[in-house]
């Protein structure tokens, strides 16, 4: 059962979503290192989801419409904010490419990955479903190993994505203005879609 769950997890990872968008955003603005720290933030967020799911907290949250709605609104608003701020961040990144890239952009990338993942309702639902299947096989040390496994593999996937996006001059997206504008629009659309959908489902 764990093997099938791992495959489902890998498929979910490779599917485009907020985590992928925010990773590409950080790589585009600040380079590979920022993408790596974003990946670590996503990995920590995945661990939090696993911890909440394995202890039944996520199920409690999802059963409460207000909690679910609040998480969706916070998550969608933050993604929209990332999209809007990306336009300004491009010029800021150009002006401060040394100091900003090595300090605040690194911490900002970690928290961008963490917050985007934690406030992703789909991640809540996915890991609740995943651990509902796995719960019977989680005994002893596996109670601690499964969340660590999903967290590490998630971080590694987005780290790999960061490397691929900056692997050569041909496909390097760092400081590419056109990609910057495109990603800004995508992030704004994702945020708006989640926001509108959340309001429609709640009311």
C-alpha atoms as a PDB file:
ATOM      1  CA  UNK A   1       0.000   0.000   0.000  1.00  0.00           C
ATOM      2  CA  UNK A   2       2.889   2.344   0.760  1.00  0.00           C
ATOM      3  CA  UNK A   3       4.274   1.886  -2.782  1.00  0.00           C
ATOM      4  CA  UNK A   4       0.962   2.911  -4.374  1.00  0.00           C
ATOM      5  CA  UNK A   5       0.738   5.873  -2.010  1.00  0.00           C
ATOM      6  CA  UNK A   6       4.265   6.912  -2.976  1.00  0.00           C
ATOM      7  CA  UNK A   7       3.354   6.745  -6.665  1.00  0.00           C
ATOM      8  CA  UNK A   8       0.243   8.852  -6.043  1.00  0.00           C
ATOM      9  CA  UNK A   9       2.391  11.357  -4.157  1.00  0.00           C
ATOM     10  CA  UNK A  10       4.919  11.588  -7.005  1.00  0.00           C
ATOM     11  CA  UNK A  11       2.134  12.128  -9.540  1.00  0.00           C
ATOM     12  CA  UNK A  12       0.695  14.889  -7.369  1.00  0.00           C
ATOM     13  CA  UNK A  13       4.141  16.500  -7.090  1.00  0.00           C
ATOM     14  CA  UNK A  14       4.688  16.608 -10.840  1.00  0.00           C
ATOM     15  CA  UNK A  15       1.240  18.084 -11.485  1.00  0.00           C
ATOM     16  CA  UNK A  16       1.285  21.888 -11.943  1.00  0.00           C
ATOM     17  CA  UNK A  17      -0.030  23.783  -8.948  1.00  0.00           C
ATOM     18  CA  UNK A  18       0.716  26.609  -6.483  1.00  0.00           C
ATOM     19  CA  UNK A  19       3.922  24.937  -5.223  1.00  0.00           C
ATOM     20  CA  UNK A  20       5.290  24.631  -8.748  1.00  0.00           C
ATOM     21  CA  UNK A  21       4.313  28.211  -9.572  1.00  0.00           C
ATOM     22  CA  UNK A  22       5.936  29.703  -6.480  1.00  0.00           C
ATOM     23  CA  UNK A  23       9.132  27.692  -7.037  1.00  0.00           C
ATOM     24  CA  UNK A  24       9.404  28.930 -10.613  1.00  0.00           C
ATOM     25  CA  UNK A  25       8.676  32.465  -9.383  1.00  0.00           C
ATOM     26  CA  UNK A  26      11.534  32.457  -6.892  1.00  0.00           C
ATOM     27  CA  UNK A  27      13.960  30.921  -9.390  1.00  0.00           C
ATOM     28  CA  UNK A  28      12.966  33.516 -11.973  1.00  0.00           C
ATOM     29  CA  UNK A  29      13.495  36.417  -9.590  1.00  0.00           C
ATOM     30  CA  UNK A  30      16.441  35.315  -7.461  1.00  0.00           C
ATOM     31  CA  UNK A  31      18.060  32.280  -9.053  1.00  0.00           C
ATOM     32  CA  UNK A  32      18.730  28.646  -8.179  1.00  0.00           C
ATOM     33  CA  UNK A  33      19.529  29.108  -4.477  1.00  0.00           C
ATOM     34  CA  UNK A  34      16.189  30.801  -3.901  1.00  0.00           C
ATOM     35  CA  UNK A  35      14.490  27.856  -5.621  1.00  0.00           C
ATOM     36  CA  UNK A  36      16.291  25.446  -3.321  1.00  0.00           C
ATOM     37  CA  UNK A  37      15.180  27.318  -0.200  1.00  0.00           C
ATOM     38  CA  UNK A  38      11.644  27.478  -1.573  1.00  0.00           C
ATOM     39  CA  UNK A  39      11.811  23.689  -1.990  1.00  0.00           C
ATOM     40  CA  UNK A  40      12.881  23.291   1.633  1.00  0.00           C
ATOM     41  CA  UNK A  41       9.959  25.460   2.713  1.00  0.00           C
ATOM     42  CA  UNK A  42       7.578  23.304   0.685  1.00  0.00           C
ATOM     43  CA  UNK A  43       9.105  20.174   2.240  1.00  0.00           C
ATOM     44  CA  UNK A  44       8.527  21.552   5.746  1.00  0.00           C
ATOM     45  CA  UNK A  45       4.957  22.415   4.741  1.00  0.00           C
ATOM     46  CA  UNK A  46       4.428  18.839   3.532  1.00  0.00           C
ATOM     47  CA  UNK A  47       5.697  17.551   6.879  1.00  0.00           C
ATOM     48  CA  UNK A  48       3.179  19.772   8.672  1.00  0.00           C
ATOM     49  CA  UNK A  49       0.375  18.408   6.467  1.00  0.00           C
ATOM     50  CA  UNK A  50       1.479  14.834   7.189  1.00  0.00           C
ATOM     51  CA  UNK A  51       1.615  15.525  10.927  1.00  0.00           C
ATOM     52  CA  UNK A  52      -1.868  17.071  10.901  1.00  0.00           C
ATOM     53  CA  UNK A  53      -3.294  14.266   8.751  1.00  0.00           C
ATOM     54  CA  UNK A  54      -1.755  11.437  10.737  1.00  0.00           C
ATOM     55  CA  UNK A  55      -3.162  12.851  13.979  1.00  0.00           C
ATOM     56  CA  UNK A  56      -6.625  13.492  12.546  1.00  0.00           C
ATOM     57  CA  UNK A  57      -6.341  17.286  12.854  1.00  0.00           C
ATOM     58  CA  UNK A  58      -6.636  17.897   9.114  1.00  0.00           C
ATOM     59  CA  UNK A  59      -9.882  15.915   8.953  1.00  0.00           C
ATOM     60  CA  UNK A  60     -11.291  18.026  11.779  1.00  0.00           C
ATOM     61  CA  UNK A  61     -10.314  21.229   9.906  1.00  0.00           C
ATOM     62  CA  UNK A  62     -11.778  20.052   6.600  1.00  0.00           C
ATOM     63  CA  UNK A  63     -15.070  19.081   8.244  1.00  0.00           C
ATOM     64  CA  UNK A  64     -15.507  22.653   9.443  1.00  0.00           C
ATOM     65  CA  UNK A  65     -16.628  24.823   6.508  1.00  0.00           C
ATOM     66  CA  UNK A  66     -15.456  28.052   8.134  1.00  0.00           C
ATOM     67  CA  UNK A  67     -11.941  26.719   8.794  1.00  0.00           C
ATOM     68  CA  UNK A  68     -11.693  25.348   5.278  1.00  0.00           C
ATOM     69  CA  UNK A  69     -12.969  28.620   3.821  1.00  0.00           C
ATOM     70  CA  UNK A  70     -10.522  30.682   5.897  1.00  0.00           C
ATOM     71  CA  UNK A  71      -7.543  28.583   4.818  1.00  0.00           C
ATOM     72  CA  UNK A  72      -8.574  28.882   1.167  1.00  0.00           C
ATOM     73  CA  UNK A  73      -8.975  32.662   1.387  1.00  0.00           C
ATOM     74  CA  UNK A  74      -5.615  33.137   3.103  1.00  0.00           C
ATOM     75  CA  UNK A  75      -3.865  30.835   0.633  1.00  0.00           C
ATOM     76  CA  UNK A  76      -5.438  32.372  -2.476  1.00  0.00           C
ATOM     77  CA  UNK A  77      -4.786  35.927  -1.249  1.00  0.00           C
ATOM     78  CA  UNK A  78      -1.135  35.128  -0.619  1.00  0.00           C
ATOM     79  CA  UNK A  79      -0.701  33.566  -4.072  1.00  0.00           C
ATOM     80  CA  UNK A  80      -2.341  36.621  -5.664  1.00  0.00           C
ATOM     81  CA  UNK A  81      -0.022  38.859  -3.629  1.00  0.00           C
ATOM     82  CA  UNK A  82       2.992  36.911  -4.906  1.00  0.00           C
ATOM     83  CA  UNK A  83       1.820  37.456  -8.465  1.00  0.00           C
ATOM     84  CA  UNK A  84       1.348  41.218  -8.035  1.00  0.00           C
ATOM     85  CA  UNK A  85       4.600  41.678  -6.100  1.00  0.00           C
ATOM     86  CA  UNK A  86       6.512  39.774  -8.775  1.00  0.00           C
ATOM     87  CA  UNK A  87       6.280  42.729 -11.163  1.00  0.00           C
ATOM     88  CA  UNK A  88       7.904  45.039  -8.639  1.00  0.00           C
ATOM     89  CA  UNK A  89      10.319  42.379  -7.413  1.00  0.00           C
ATOM     90  CA  UNK A  90      11.879  42.103 -10.846  1.00  0.00           C
ATOM     91  CA  UNK A  91      13.244  45.640 -10.769  1.00  0.00           C
ATOM     92  CA  UNK A  92      14.197  45.300  -7.105  1.00  0.00           C
ATOM     93  CA  UNK A  93      16.083  42.100  -7.826  1.00  0.00           C
ATOM     94  CA  UNK A  94      17.991  43.833 -10.641  1.00  0.00           C
ATOM     95  CA  UNK A  95      18.960  46.747  -8.432  1.00  0.00           C
ATOM     96  CA  UNK A  96      20.017  44.658  -5.418  1.00  0.00           C
ATOM     97  CA  UNK A  97      21.229  41.526  -7.167  1.00  0.00           C
ATOM     98  CA  UNK A  98      24.061  40.974  -4.665  1.00  0.00           C
ATOM     99  CA  UNK A  99      22.821  41.866  -1.175  1.00  0.00           C
ATOM    100  CA  UNK A 100      19.129  41.062  -1.606  1.00  0.00           C
ATOM    101  CA  UNK A 101      19.727  37.800  -3.426  1.00  0.00           C
ATOM    102  CA  UNK A 102      21.997  36.481  -0.686  1.00  0.00           C
ATOM    103  CA  UNK A 103      19.918  37.508   2.326  1.00  0.00           C
ATOM    104  CA  UNK A 104      16.248  38.522   2.338  1.00  0.00           C
ATOM    105  CA  UNK A 105      15.417  36.655  -0.881  1.00  0.00           C
ATOM    106  CA  UNK A 106      16.653  33.410   0.669  1.00  0.00           C
ATOM    107  CA  UNK A 107      14.515  33.745   3.808  1.00  0.00           C
ATOM    108  CA  UNK A 108      11.629  35.065   1.750  1.00  0.00           C
ATOM    109  CA  UNK A 109      11.870  32.061  -0.569  1.00  0.00           C
ATOM    110  CA  UNK A 110      11.700  29.626   2.347  1.00  0.00           C
ATOM    111  CA  UNK A 111       8.613  31.276   3.804  1.00  0.00           C
ATOM    112  CA  UNK A 112       6.990  31.647   0.375  1.00  0.00           C
ATOM    113  CA  UNK A 113       7.276  27.897  -0.126  1.00  0.00           C
ATOM    114  CA  UNK A 114       6.121  27.154   3.417  1.00  0.00           C
ATOM    115  CA  UNK A 115       3.097  29.482   3.458  1.00  0.00           C
ATOM    116  CA  UNK A 116       1.974  28.567  -0.077  1.00  0.00           C
ATOM    117  CA  UNK A 117       2.002  24.876   0.806  1.00  0.00           C
ATOM    118  CA  UNK A 118       0.475  25.082   4.282  1.00  0.00           C
ATOM    119  CA  UNK A 119      -2.498  27.156   3.092  1.00  0.00           C
ATOM    120  CA  UNK A 120      -3.187  24.891   0.133  1.00  0.00           C
ATOM    121  CA  UNK A 121      -6.511  23.171   0.839  1.00  0.00           C
ATOM    122  CA  UNK A 122      -5.823  20.578  -1.868  1.00  0.00           C
ATOM    123  CA  UNK A 123      -2.757  19.510   0.103  1.00  0.00           C
ATOM    124  CA  UNK A 124      -4.940  19.103   3.194  1.00  0.00           C
ATOM    125  CA  UNK A 125      -7.358  16.898   1.265  1.00  0.00           C
ATOM    126  CA  UNK A 126      -4.618  14.904  -0.475  1.00  0.00           C
ATOM    127  CA  UNK A 127      -2.780  13.925   2.700  1.00  0.00           C
ATOM    128  CA  UNK A 128      -5.967  13.152   4.597  1.00  0.00           C
ATOM    129  CA  UNK A 129      -6.873  10.747   1.772  1.00  0.00           C
ATOM    130  CA  UNK A 130      -3.339   9.354   1.682  1.00  0.00           C
ATOM    131  CA  UNK A 131      -3.093   8.635   5.386  1.00  0.00           C
ATOM    132  CA  UNK A 132      -6.619   7.243   5.514  1.00  0.00           C
ATOM    133  CA  UNK A 133      -5.265   4.492   3.265  1.00  0.00           C
ATOM    134  CA  UNK A 134      -1.956   4.150   5.128  1.00  0.00           C
ATOM    135  CA  UNK A 135      -3.229   4.406   8.697  1.00  0.00           C
ATOM    136  CA  UNK A 136      -3.451   0.632   9.237  1.00  0.00           C
ATOM    137  CA  UNK A 137       0.190   0.140   8.234  1.00  0.00           C
ATOM    138  CA  UNK A 138       1.544   3.019  10.339  1.00  0.00           C
ATOM    139  CA  UNK A 139       2.984   1.385  13.420  1.00  0.00           C
ATOM    140  CA  UNK A 140       6.021   2.067  15.553  1.00  0.00           C
ATOM    141  CA  UNK A 141       8.810   3.897  13.749  1.00  0.00           C
ATOM    142  CA  UNK A 142       6.769   4.216  10.534  1.00  0.00           C
ATOM    143  CA  UNK A 143       4.645   6.812  12.337  1.00  0.00           C
ATOM    144  CA  UNK A 144       7.710   9.079  12.115  1.00  0.00           C
ATOM    145  CA  UNK A 145       9.252   7.808   8.883  1.00  0.00           C
ATOM    146  CA  UNK A 146       6.305   8.293   6.509  1.00  0.00           C
ATOM    147  CA  UNK A 147       5.962  12.069   7.077  1.00  0.00           C
ATOM    148  CA  UNK A 148       9.742  12.482   6.756  1.00  0.00           C
ATOM    149  CA  UNK A 149       9.749  10.492   3.520  1.00  0.00           C
ATOM    150  CA  UNK A 150       6.979  12.558   1.905  1.00  0.00           C
ATOM    151  CA  UNK A 151       8.608  15.771   3.109  1.00  0.00           C
ATOM    152  CA  UNK A 152      12.071  14.928   1.747  1.00  0.00           C
ATOM    153  CA  UNK A 153      10.852  13.604  -1.609  1.00  0.00           C
ATOM    154  CA  UNK A 154       8.729  16.735  -2.083  1.00  0.00           C
ATOM    155  CA  UNK A 155      11.680  19.012  -1.345  1.00  0.00           C
ATOM    156  CA  UNK A 156      13.960  17.001  -3.648  1.00  0.00           C
ATOM    157  CA  UNK A 157      11.514  17.208  -6.536  1.00  0.00           C
ATOM    158  CA  UNK A 158      11.294  20.997  -6.369  1.00  0.00           C
ATOM    159  CA  UNK A 159      15.065  21.239  -5.920  1.00  0.00           C
ATOM    160  CA  UNK A 160      15.429  19.207  -9.112  1.00  0.00           C
ATOM    161  CA  UNK A 161      12.996  21.582 -10.817  1.00  0.00           C
ATOM    162  CA  UNK A 162      15.111  24.525  -9.664  1.00  0.00           C
ATOM    163  CA  UNK A 163      18.234  22.918 -11.146  1.00  0.00           C
ATOM    164  CA  UNK A 164      16.494  22.131 -14.441  1.00  0.00           C
ATOM    165  CA  UNK A 165      15.236  25.684 -14.794  1.00  0.00           C
ATOM    166  CA  UNK A 166      18.763  27.051 -14.425  1.00  0.00           C
ATOM    167  CA  UNK A 167      20.720  24.205 -16.022  1.00  0.00           C
ATOM    168  CA  UNK A 168      22.011  26.134 -19.022  1.00  0.00           C
ATOM    169  CA  UNK A 169      21.888  29.502 -20.739  1.00  0.00           C
ATOM    170  CA  UNK A 170      19.305  28.132 -23.152  1.00  0.00           C
ATOM    171  CA  UNK A 171      16.696  27.259 -20.505  1.00  0.00           C
ATOM    172  CA  UNK A 172      17.802  29.521 -17.656  1.00  0.00           C
ATOM    173  CA  UNK A 173      14.706  31.463 -16.563  1.00  0.00           C
ATOM    174  CA  UNK A 174      16.517  33.630 -14.015  1.00  0.00           C
ATOM    175  CA  UNK A 175      15.937  37.331 -14.769  1.00  0.00           C
ATOM    176  CA  UNK A 176      13.939  36.556 -17.901  1.00  0.00           C
ATOM    177  CA  UNK A 177      11.519  39.470 -18.139  1.00  0.00           C
ATOM    178  CA  UNK A 178       8.955  37.770 -20.385  1.00  0.00           C
ATOM    179  CA  UNK A 179       8.790  34.693 -18.130  1.00  0.00           C
ATOM    180  CA  UNK A 180       8.521  37.037 -15.166  1.00  0.00           C
ATOM    181  CA  UNK A 181       5.402  38.705 -16.598  1.00  0.00           C
ATOM    182  CA  UNK A 182       3.915  35.363 -17.623  1.00  0.00           C
ATOM    183  CA  UNK A 183       4.408  33.846 -14.165  1.00  0.00           C
ATOM    184  CA  UNK A 184       2.980  36.946 -12.538  1.00  0.00           C
ATOM    185  CA  UNK A 185      -0.209  36.523 -14.585  1.00  0.00           C
ATOM    186  CA  UNK A 186      -0.364  32.788 -13.802  1.00  0.00           C
ATOM    187  CA  UNK A 187       0.001  33.349 -10.041  1.00  0.00           C
ATOM    188  CA  UNK A 188      -2.697  36.033 -10.094  1.00  0.00           C
ATOM    189  CA  UNK A 189      -5.058  33.756 -12.035  1.00  0.00           C
ATOM    190  CA  UNK A 190      -4.432  30.831  -9.651  1.00  0.00           C
ATOM    191  CA  UNK A 191      -5.094  33.081  -6.663  1.00  0.00           C
ATOM    192  CA  UNK A 192      -8.285  34.500  -8.191  1.00  0.00           C
ATOM    193  CA  UNK A 193      -9.551  31.052  -9.196  1.00  0.00           C
ATOM    194  CA  UNK A 194      -9.071  29.619  -5.699  1.00  0.00           C
ATOM    195  CA  UNK A 195     -10.591  32.762  -4.128  1.00  0.00           C
ATOM    196  CA  UNK A 196     -13.714  32.744  -6.314  1.00  0.00           C
ATOM    197  CA  UNK A 197     -14.152  28.986  -6.001  1.00  0.00           C
ATOM    198  CA  UNK A 198     -13.861  29.187  -2.194  1.00  0.00           C
ATOM    199  CA  UNK A 199     -16.507  31.919  -1.979  1.00  0.00           C
ATOM    200  CA  UNK A 200     -18.832  30.000  -4.319  1.00  0.00           C
ATOM    201  CA  UNK A 201     -18.491  26.755  -2.326  1.00  0.00           C
ATOM    202  CA  UNK A 202     -18.908  28.438   1.058  1.00  0.00           C
ATOM    203  CA  UNK A 203     -21.906  30.629   0.255  1.00  0.00           C
END
